[in-house]
PDB file of all heavy atoms in Angstrom:
ATOM      1  N   GLY A   1       0.809  -1.180   0.001  1.00  0.00           N
ATOM      2  CA  GLY A   1       0.052  -0.041   0.070  1.00  0.00           C
ATOM      3  C   GLY A   1       0.845   1.243  -0.022  1.00  0.00           C
ATOM      4  O   GLY A   1       0.329   2.277   0.348  1.00  0.00           O
ATOM      5  N   PHE A   2       2.168   1.191  -0.397  1.00  0.00           N
ATOM      6  CA  PHE A   2       3.064   2.286  -0.386  1.00  0.00           C
ATOM      7  C   PHE A   2       2.563   3.403  -1.298  1.00  0.00           C
ATOM      8  O   PHE A   2       2.099   3.125  -2.422  1.00  0.00           O
ATOM      9  CB  PHE A   2       4.405   1.944  -0.770  1.00  0.00           C
ATOM     10  CG  PHE A   2       5.343   3.059  -0.963  1.00  0.00           C
ATOM     11  CD1 PHE A   2       5.798   3.736   0.159  1.00  0.00           C
ATOM     12  CD2 PHE A   2       5.683   3.503  -2.216  1.00  0.00           C
ATOM     13  CE1 PHE A   2       6.719   4.749  -0.048  1.00  0.00           C
ATOM     14  CE2 PHE A   2       6.541   4.601  -2.438  1.00  0.00           C
ATOM     15  CZ  PHE A   2       6.972   5.254  -1.342  1.00  0.00           C
ATOM     16  N   SER A   3       2.482   4.611  -0.747  1.00  0.00           N
ATOM     17  CA  SER A   3       2.328   5.891  -1.545  1.00  0.00           C
ATOM     18  C   SER A   3       2.929   7.007  -0.891  1.00  0.00           C
ATOM     19  O   SER A   3       3.275   6.949   0.271  1.00  0.00           O
ATOM     20  CB  SER A   3       0.662   6.028  -1.582  1.00  0.00           C
ATOM     21  OG  SER A   3       0.147   6.373  -0.264  1.00  0.00           O
ATOM     22  N   THR A   4       2.859   8.202  -1.457  1.00  0.00           N
ATOM     23  CA  THR A   4       3.465   9.289  -0.949  1.00  0.00           C
ATOM     24  C   THR A   4       2.743   9.778   0.261  1.00  0.00           C
ATOM     25  O   THR A   4       3.387  10.440   1.144  1.00  0.00           O
ATOM     26  CB  THR A   4       3.542  10.492  -1.962  1.00  0.00           C
ATOM     27  OG1 THR A   4       2.181  10.578  -2.445  1.00  0.00           O
ATOM     28  CG2 THR A   4       4.432  10.100  -3.082  1.00  0.00           C
ATOM     29  N   SER A   5       1.436   9.444   0.422  1.00  0.00           N
ATOM     30  CA  SER A   5       0.670   9.853   1.560  1.00  0.00           C
ATOM     31  C   SER A   5       0.895   8.913   2.699  1.00  0.00           C
ATOM     32  O   SER A   5       0.335   9.201   3.893  1.00  0.00           O
ATOM     33  CB  SER A   5      -0.784   9.958   1.299  1.00  0.00           C
ATOM     34  OG  SER A   5      -1.247   8.662   0.864  1.00  0.00           O
ATOM     35  N   SER A   6       1.530   7.705   2.622  1.00  0.00           N
ATOM     36  CA  SER A   6       1.667   6.765   3.636  1.00  0.00           C
ATOM     37  C   SER A   6       3.086   6.556   4.034  1.00  0.00           C
ATOM     38  O   SER A   6       3.426   5.541   4.671  1.00  0.00           O
ATOM     39  CB  SER A   6       1.054   5.452   3.195  1.00  0.00           C
ATOM     40  OG  SER A   6       1.773   4.932   2.167  1.00  0.00           O
ATOM     41  N   CYS A   7       3.881   7.585   3.815  1.00  0.00           N
ATOM     42  CA  CYS A   7       5.315   7.357   4.130  1.00  0.00           C
ATOM     43  C   CYS A   7       5.916   8.724   4.377  1.00  0.00           C
ATOM     44  O   CYS A   7       5.761   9.682   3.672  1.00  0.00           O
ATOM     45  CB  CYS A   7       6.063   6.702   2.983  1.00  0.00           C
ATOM     46  SG  CYS A   7       7.804   6.478   3.301  1.00  0.00           S
ATOM     47  N   ASP A   8       6.652   8.876   5.424  1.00  0.00           N
ATOM     48  CA  ASP A   8       7.466  10.100   5.792  1.00  0.00           C
ATOM     49  C   ASP A   8       8.885   9.995   5.220  1.00  0.00           C
ATOM     50  O   ASP A   8       9.726   9.233   5.790  1.00  0.00           O
ATOM     51  CB  ASP A   8       7.631  10.384   7.244  1.00  0.00           C
ATOM     52  CG  ASP A   8       6.234  10.712   7.977  1.00  0.00           C
ATOM     53  OD1 ASP A   8       5.613  11.486   7.257  1.00  0.00           O
ATOM     54  OD2 ASP A   8       5.753  10.174   8.884  1.00  0.00           O
ATOM     55  N   THR A   9       9.186  10.496   4.089  1.00  0.00           N
ATOM     56  CA  THR A   9      10.443  10.354   3.393  1.00  0.00           C
ATOM     57  C   THR A   9      11.491  11.301   4.065  1.00  0.00           C
ATOM     58  O   THR A   9      12.735  10.969   3.880  1.00  0.00           O
ATOM     59  CB  THR A   9      10.392  10.514   1.911  1.00  0.00           C
ATOM     60  OG1 THR A   9       9.758  11.722   1.648  1.00  0.00           O
ATOM     61  CG2 THR A   9       9.471   9.514   1.274  1.00  0.00           C
ATOM     62  N   GLU A  10      11.115  12.422   4.548  1.00  0.00           N
ATOM     63  CA  GLU A  10      12.022  13.303   5.171  1.00  0.00           C
ATOM     64  C   GLU A  10      11.901  13.561   6.628  1.00  0.00           C
ATOM     65  O   GLU A  10      11.845  14.661   7.086  1.00  0.00           O
ATOM     66  CB  GLU A  10      11.937  14.731   4.348  1.00  0.00           C
ATOM     67  CG  GLU A  10      12.273  14.563   2.853  1.00  0.00           C
ATOM     68  CD  GLU A  10      13.658  14.211   2.605  1.00  0.00           C
ATOM     69  OE1 GLU A  10      14.484  14.324   3.612  1.00  0.00           O
ATOM     70  OE2 GLU A  10      14.045  13.815   1.507  1.00  0.00           O
ATOM     71  N   ILE A  11      11.667  12.430   7.267  1.00  0.00           N
ATOM     72  CA  ILE A  11      11.405  12.616   8.752  1.00  0.00           C
ATOM     73  C   ILE A  11      12.786  13.001   9.398  1.00  0.00           C
ATOM     74  O   ILE A  11      13.860  12.433   9.189  1.00  0.00           O
ATOM     75  CB  ILE A  11      10.908  11.314   9.332  1.00  0.00           C
ATOM     76  CG1 ILE A  11      10.326  11.525  10.745  1.00  0.00           C
ATOM     77  CG2 ILE A  11      11.904  10.216   9.343  1.00  0.00           C
ATOM     78  CD1 ILE A  11       9.430  10.345  11.121  1.00  0.00           C
ATOM     79  N   PRO A  12      12.744  14.026  10.313  1.00  0.00           N
ATOM     80  CA  PRO A  12      13.993  14.591  10.852  1.00  0.00           C
ATOM     81  C   PRO A  12      14.761  13.588  11.692  1.00  0.00           C
ATOM     82  O   PRO A  12      15.997  13.690  11.809  1.00  0.00           O
ATOM     83  CB  PRO A  12      13.486  15.702  11.721  1.00  0.00           C
ATOM     84  CG  PRO A  12      12.127  16.146  11.153  1.00  0.00           C
ATOM     85  CD  PRO A  12      11.548  14.883  10.603  1.00  0.00           C
ATOM     86  N   PHE A  13      14.098  12.530  12.280  1.00  0.00           N
ATOM     87  CA  PHE A  13      14.809  11.570  13.150  1.00  0.00           C
ATOM     88  C   PHE A  13      16.025  10.877  12.258  1.00  0.00           C
ATOM     89  O   PHE A  13      16.997  10.562  12.912  1.00  0.00           O
ATOM     90  CB  PHE A  13      13.805  10.463  13.523  1.00  0.00           C
ATOM     91  CG  PHE A  13      14.441   9.398  14.289  1.00  0.00           C
ATOM     92  CD1 PHE A  13      14.898   9.684  15.682  1.00  0.00           C
ATOM     93  CD2 PHE A  13      14.663   8.101  13.877  1.00  0.00           C
ATOM     94  CE1 PHE A  13      15.416   8.588  16.326  1.00  0.00           C
ATOM     95  CE2 PHE A  13      15.168   7.092  14.540  1.00  0.00           C
ATOM     96  CZ  PHE A  13      15.611   7.298  15.971  1.00  0.00           C
ATOM     97  N   ARG A  14      15.790  10.706  10.960  1.00  0.00           N
ATOM     98  CA  ARG A  14      16.881  10.045  10.246  1.00  0.00           C
ATOM     99  C   ARG A  14      18.176  10.973  10.309  1.00  0.00           C
ATOM    100  O   ARG A  14      19.307  10.398  10.315  1.00  0.00           O
ATOM    101  CB  ARG A  14      16.419   9.826   8.864  1.00  0.00           C
ATOM    102  CG  ARG A  14      15.226   8.867   8.730  1.00  0.00           C
ATOM    103  CD  ARG A  14      14.711   8.795   7.312  1.00  0.00           C
ATOM    104  NE  ARG A  14      15.711   8.412   6.307  1.00  0.00           N
ATOM    105  CZ  ARG A  14      15.521   8.213   5.014  1.00  0.00           C
ATOM    106  NH1 ARG A  14      14.368   8.545   4.523  1.00  0.00           N
ATOM    107  NH2 ARG A  14      16.465   7.787   4.159  1.00  0.00           N
ATOM    108  N   TYR A  15      18.030  12.218  10.199  1.00  0.00           N
ATOM    109  CA  TYR A  15      19.162  13.133  10.182  1.00  0.00           C
ATOM    110  C   TYR A  15      19.768  13.080  11.613  1.00  0.00           C
ATOM    111  O   TYR A  15      21.057  13.122  11.784  1.00  0.00           O
ATOM    112  CB  TYR A  15      18.682  14.555   9.849  1.00  0.00           C
ATOM    113  CG  TYR A  15      18.229  14.574   8.494  1.00  0.00           C
ATOM    114  CD1 TYR A  15      16.878  15.072   8.300  1.00  0.00           C
ATOM    115  CD2 TYR A  15      18.915  14.255   7.399  1.00  0.00           C
ATOM    116  CE1 TYR A  15      16.381  15.123   7.015  1.00  0.00           C
ATOM    117  CE2 TYR A  15      18.440  14.280   6.053  1.00  0.00           C
ATOM    118  CZ  TYR A  15      17.059  14.705   5.999  1.00  0.00           C
ATOM    119  OH  TYR A  15      16.449  14.810   4.629  1.00  0.00           O
ATOM    120  N   LEU A  16      18.989  13.048  12.688  1.00  0.00           N
ATOM    121  CA  LEU A  16      19.652  12.874  13.978  1.00  0.00           C
ATOM    122  C   LEU A  16      20.335  11.548  14.165  1.00  0.00           C
ATOM    123  O   LEU A  16      21.466  11.598  14.857  1.00  0.00           O
ATOM    124  CB  LEU A  16      18.450  12.931  15.118  1.00  0.00           C
ATOM    125  CG  LEU A  16      18.947  12.912  16.430  1.00  0.00           C
ATOM    126  CD1 LEU A  16      19.433  14.282  17.028  1.00  0.00           C
ATOM    127  CD2 LEU A  16      18.074  12.204  17.428  1.00  0.00           C
ATOM    128  N   VAL A  17      19.923  10.548  13.586  1.00  0.00           N
ATOM    129  CA  VAL A  17      20.590   9.229  13.708  1.00  0.00           C
ATOM    130  C   VAL A  17      21.945   9.358  12.955  1.00  0.00           C
ATOM    131  O   VAL A  17      22.997   8.814  13.498  1.00  0.00           O
ATOM    132  CB  VAL A  17      19.839   8.144  13.076  1.00  0.00           C
ATOM    133  CG1 VAL A  17      20.636   6.823  12.816  1.00  0.00           C
ATOM    134  CG2 VAL A  17      18.629   7.771  14.050  1.00  0.00           C
ATOM    135  N   ASN A  18      21.965   9.987  11.756  1.00  0.00           N
ATOM    136  CA  ASN A  18      23.265  10.182  11.159  1.00  0.00           C
ATOM    137  C   ASN A  18      24.201  11.007  11.875  1.00  0.00           C
ATOM    138  O   ASN A  18      25.488  10.712  12.006  1.00  0.00           O
ATOM    139  CB  ASN A  18      23.009  10.938   9.813  1.00  0.00           C
ATOM    140  CG  ASN A  18      22.271   9.994   8.741  1.00  0.00           C
ATOM    141  OD1 ASN A  18      22.223   8.777   8.860  1.00  0.00           O
ATOM    142  ND2 ASN A  18      21.558  10.639   7.910  1.00  0.00           N
ATOM    143  N   LEU A  19      23.731  11.952  12.614  1.00  0.00           N
ATOM    144  CA  LEU A  19      24.522  12.806  13.516  1.00  0.00           C
ATOM    145  C   LEU A  19      25.177  11.903  14.670  1.00  0.00           C
ATOM    146  O   LEU A  19      26.288  12.081  15.191  1.00  0.00           O
ATOM    147  CB  LEU A  19      23.800  14.017  14.068  1.00  0.00           C
ATOM    148  CG  LEU A  19      23.662  15.271  13.153  1.00  0.00           C
ATOM    149  CD1 LEU A  19      22.953  16.360  13.921  1.00  0.00           C
ATOM    150  CD2 LEU A  19      25.080  15.786  12.761  1.00  0.00           C
ATOM    151  N   ALA A  20      24.214  11.051  15.192  1.00  0.00           N
ATOM    152  CA  ALA A  20      24.647  10.209  16.281  1.00  0.00           C
ATOM    153  C   ALA A  20      25.879   9.248  15.874  1.00  0.00           C
ATOM    154  O   ALA A  20      26.630   8.896  16.676  1.00  0.00           O
ATOM    155  CB  ALA A  20      23.439   9.338  16.731  1.00  0.00           C
ATOM    156  N   GLN A  21      25.764   8.772  14.585  1.00  0.00           N
ATOM    157  CA  GLN A  21      26.958   8.017  14.180  1.00  0.00           C
ATOM    158  C   GLN A  21      28.197   8.929  14.106  1.00  0.00           C
ATOM    159  O   GLN A  21      29.355   8.244  14.380  1.00  0.00           O
ATOM    160  CB  GLN A  21      26.625   7.497  12.652  1.00  0.00           C
ATOM    161  CG  GLN A  21      25.444   6.557  12.805  1.00  0.00           C
ATOM    162  CD  GLN A  21      24.970   6.112  11.321  1.00  0.00           C
ATOM    163  OE1 GLN A  21      24.546   6.986  10.604  1.00  0.00           O
ATOM    164  NE2 GLN A  21      25.264   4.862  11.000  1.00  0.00           N
ATOM    165  N   ILE A  22      28.124  10.151  13.675  1.00  0.00           N
ATOM    166  CA  ILE A  22      29.204  10.990  13.685  1.00  0.00           C
ATOM    167  C   ILE A  22      29.735  11.244  15.139  1.00  0.00           C
ATOM    168  O   ILE A  22      30.985  11.278  15.482  1.00  0.00           O
ATOM    169  CB  ILE A  22      29.015  12.246  12.960  1.00  0.00           C
ATOM    170  CG1 ILE A  22      28.678  11.964  11.508  1.00  0.00           C
ATOM    171  CG2 ILE A  22      30.217  13.241  12.936  1.00  0.00           C
ATOM    172  CD1 ILE A  22      28.181  13.210  10.717  1.00  0.00           C
ATOM    173  N   SER A  23      28.739  11.341  16.027  1.00  0.00           N
ATOM    174  CA  SER A  23      29.128  11.585  17.499  1.00  0.00           C
ATOM    175  C   SER A  23      29.922  10.459  18.018  1.00  0.00           C
ATOM    176  O   SER A  23      30.800  10.653  18.799  1.00  0.00           O
ATOM    177  CB  SER A  23      27.875  11.867  18.332  1.00  0.00           C
ATOM    178  OG  SER A  23      27.158  10.709  18.505  1.00  0.00           O
ATOM    179  N   GLN A  24      29.563   9.282  17.612  1.00  0.00           N
ATOM    180  CA  GLN A  24      30.325   8.084  18.001  1.00  0.00           C
ATOM    181  C   GLN A  24      31.740   8.225  17.520  1.00  0.00           C
ATOM    182  O   GLN A  24      32.787   7.887  18.234  1.00  0.00           O
ATOM    183  CB  GLN A  24      29.721   6.771  17.481  1.00  0.00           C
ATOM    184  CG  GLN A  24      30.514   5.575  17.817  1.00  0.00           C
ATOM    185  CD  GLN A  24      29.946   4.304  17.231  1.00  0.00           C
ATOM    186  OE1 GLN A  24      28.922   4.303  16.558  1.00  0.00           O
ATOM    187  NE2 GLN A  24      30.674   3.139  17.492  1.00  0.00           N
ATOM    188  N   GLU A  25      31.973   8.622  16.308  1.00  0.00           N
ATOM    189  CA  GLU A  25      33.399   8.787  15.754  1.00  0.00           C
ATOM    190  C   GLU A  25      34.145   9.894  16.540  1.00  0.00           C
ATOM    191  O   GLU A  25      35.342   9.695  16.920  1.00  0.00           O
ATOM    192  CB  GLU A  25      33.329   9.086  14.201  1.00  0.00           C
ATOM    193  CG  GLU A  25      32.839   7.927  13.427  1.00  0.00           C
ATOM    194  CD  GLU A  25      33.162   8.199  11.896  1.00  0.00           C
ATOM    195  OE1 GLU A  25      34.325   8.611  11.630  1.00  0.00           O
ATOM    196  OE2 GLU A  25      32.287   7.972  11.069  1.00  0.00           O
ATOM    197  N   ILE A  26      33.387  10.947  16.882  1.00  0.00           N
ATOM    198  CA  ILE A  26      33.998  12.030  17.623  1.00  0.00           C
ATOM    199  C   ILE A  26      34.545  11.525  18.979  1.00  0.00           C
ATOM    200  O   ILE A  26      35.556  11.778  19.474  1.00  0.00           O
ATOM    201  CB  ILE A  26      33.087  13.208  17.808  1.00  0.00           C
ATOM    202  CG1 ILE A  26      32.908  13.853  16.415  1.00  0.00           C
ATOM    203  CG2 ILE A  26      33.685  14.172  18.812  1.00  0.00           C
ATOM    204  CD1 ILE A  26      31.825  15.011  16.406  1.00  0.00           C
ATOM    205  N   GLN A  27      33.635  10.768  19.698  1.00  0.00           N
ATOM    206  CA  GLN A  27      33.968  10.233  20.968  1.00  0.00           C
ATOM    207  C   GLN A  27      35.083   9.258  20.862  1.00  0.00           C
ATOM    208  O   GLN A  27      36.039   9.350  21.740  1.00  0.00           O
ATOM    209  CB  GLN A  27      32.771   9.564  21.655  1.00  0.00           C
ATOM    210  CG  GLN A  27      32.994   9.159  23.055  1.00  0.00           C
ATOM    211  CD  GLN A  27      31.780   8.649  23.772  1.00  0.00           C
ATOM    212  OE1 GLN A  27      30.899   8.161  23.160  1.00  0.00           O
ATOM    213  NE2 GLN A  27      31.756   9.001  25.133  1.00  0.00           N
ATOM    214  N   GLU A  28      35.054   8.316  19.866  1.00  0.00           N
ATOM    215  CA  GLU A  28      36.070   7.361  19.772  1.00  0.00           C
ATOM    216  C   GLU A  28      37.386   7.961  19.399  1.00  0.00           C
ATOM    217  O   GLU A  28      38.384   7.513  19.801  1.00  0.00           O
ATOM    218  CB  GLU A  28      35.694   6.276  18.790  1.00  0.00           C
ATOM    219  CG  GLU A  28      34.452   5.429  19.194  1.00  0.00           C
ATOM    220  CD  GLU A  28      34.144   4.382  18.137  1.00  0.00           C
ATOM    221  OE1 GLU A  28      34.570   4.516  16.958  1.00  0.00           O
ATOM    222  OE2 GLU A  28      33.393   3.526  18.426  1.00  0.00           O
ATOM    223  N   THR A  29      37.365   9.064  18.636  1.00  0.00           N
ATOM    224  CA  THR A  29      38.548   9.736  18.181  1.00  0.00           C
ATOM    225  C   THR A  29      39.207  10.544  19.303  1.00  0.00           C
ATOM    226  O   THR A  29      40.524  10.518  19.516  1.00  0.00           O
ATOM    227  CB  THR A  29      38.273  10.620  17.018  1.00  0.00           C
ATOM    228  OG1 THR A  29      37.855   9.894  15.887  1.00  0.00           O
ATOM    229  CG2 THR A  29      39.533  11.373  16.497  1.00  0.00           C
ATOM    230  N   PHE A  30      38.430  11.299  20.096  1.00  0.00           N
ATOM    231  CA  PHE A  30      38.930  12.274  20.984  1.00  0.00           C
ATOM    232  C   PHE A  30      38.586  12.126  22.465  1.00  0.00           C
ATOM    233  O   PHE A  30      39.460  12.459  23.351  1.00  0.00           O
ATOM    234  CB  PHE A  30      38.469  13.689  20.638  1.00  0.00           C
ATOM    235  CG  PHE A  30      38.975  14.330  19.397  1.00  0.00           C
ATOM    236  CD1 PHE A  30      38.246  14.716  18.329  1.00  0.00           C
ATOM    237  CD2 PHE A  30      40.474  14.483  19.310  1.00  0.00           C
ATOM    238  CE1 PHE A  30      38.811  15.323  17.210  1.00  0.00           C
ATOM    239  CE2 PHE A  30      40.942  14.997  18.204  1.00  0.00           C
ATOM    240  CZ  PHE A  30      40.188  15.479  17.204  1.00  0.00           C
ATOM    241  N   TYR A  31      37.446  11.422  22.847  1.00  0.00           N
ATOM    242  CA  TYR A  31      36.999  11.390  24.140  1.00  0.00           C
ATOM    243  C   TYR A  31      37.020  10.169  24.963  1.00  0.00           C
ATOM    244  O   TYR A  31      36.506  10.159  26.083  1.00  0.00           O
ATOM    245  CB  TYR A  31      35.556  12.064  24.164  1.00  0.00           C
ATOM    246  CG  TYR A  31      35.665  13.517  23.771  1.00  0.00           C
ATOM    247  CD1 TYR A  31      35.411  13.897  22.525  1.00  0.00           C
ATOM    248  CD2 TYR A  31      36.136  14.511  24.780  1.00  0.00           C
ATOM    249  CE1 TYR A  31      35.392  15.268  22.149  1.00  0.00           C
ATOM    250  CE2 TYR A  31      36.201  15.837  24.355  1.00  0.00           C
ATOM    251  CZ  TYR A  31      35.825  16.318  23.171  1.00  0.00           C
ATOM    252  OH  TYR A  31      35.870  17.567  22.722  1.00  0.00           O
ATOM    253  N   THR A  32      37.484   9.094  24.305  1.00  0.00           N
ATOM    254  CA  THR A  32      37.624   7.794  25.160  1.00  0.00           C
ATOM    255  C   THR A  32      38.885   8.077  26.104  1.00  0.00           C
ATOM    256  O   THR A  32      39.756   8.996  25.871  1.00  0.00           O
ATOM    257  CB  THR A  32      37.850   6.614  24.298  1.00  0.00           C
ATOM    258  OG1 THR A  32      39.136   6.788  23.568  1.00  0.00           O
ATOM    259  CG2 THR A  32      36.877   6.335  23.418  1.00  0.00           C
ATOM    260  N   LEU A  33      38.900   7.290  27.057  1.00  0.00           N
ATOM    261  CA  LEU A  33      40.071   7.402  28.034  1.00  0.00           C
ATOM    262  C   LEU A  33      41.405   7.392  27.325  1.00  0.00           C
ATOM    263  O   LEU A  33      42.303   8.195  27.596  1.00  0.00           O
ATOM    264  CB  LEU A  33      39.937   6.379  29.142  1.00  0.00           C
ATOM    265  CG  LEU A  33      41.056   6.375  30.196  1.00  0.00           C
ATOM    266  CD1 LEU A  33      41.019   7.723  31.027  1.00  0.00           C
ATOM    267  CD2 LEU A  33      40.867   5.157  31.138  1.00  0.00           C
ATOM    268  N   ARG A  34      41.689   6.339  26.556  1.00  0.00           N
ATOM    269  CA  ARG A  34      42.826   6.229  25.833  1.00  0.00           C
ATOM    270  C   ARG A  34      43.161   7.322  24.979  1.00  0.00           C
ATOM    271  O   ARG A  34      44.308   7.895  24.830  1.00  0.00           O
ATOM    272  CB  ARG A  34      42.896   4.891  25.074  1.00  0.00           C
ATOM    273  CG  ARG A  34      42.700   3.587  26.018  1.00  0.00           C
ATOM    274  CD  ARG A  34      43.780   3.562  27.019  1.00  0.00           C
ATOM    275  NE  ARG A  34      43.687   2.222  27.816  1.00  0.00           N
ATOM    276  CZ  ARG A  34      44.179   2.136  29.027  1.00  0.00           C
ATOM    277  NH1 ARG A  34      44.929   3.183  29.581  1.00  0.00           N
ATOM    278  NH2 ARG A  34      44.170   0.957  29.661  1.00  0.00           N
TER     279      ARG A  34
END
């Protein structure tokens, strides 16, 4: 039943998740104990 009215293609949560992936890299690069 897919249609443009039954799907959020630009839901902001997806962009936040992408930022969370970058935040993981920032932490692993600079902010872990080692």
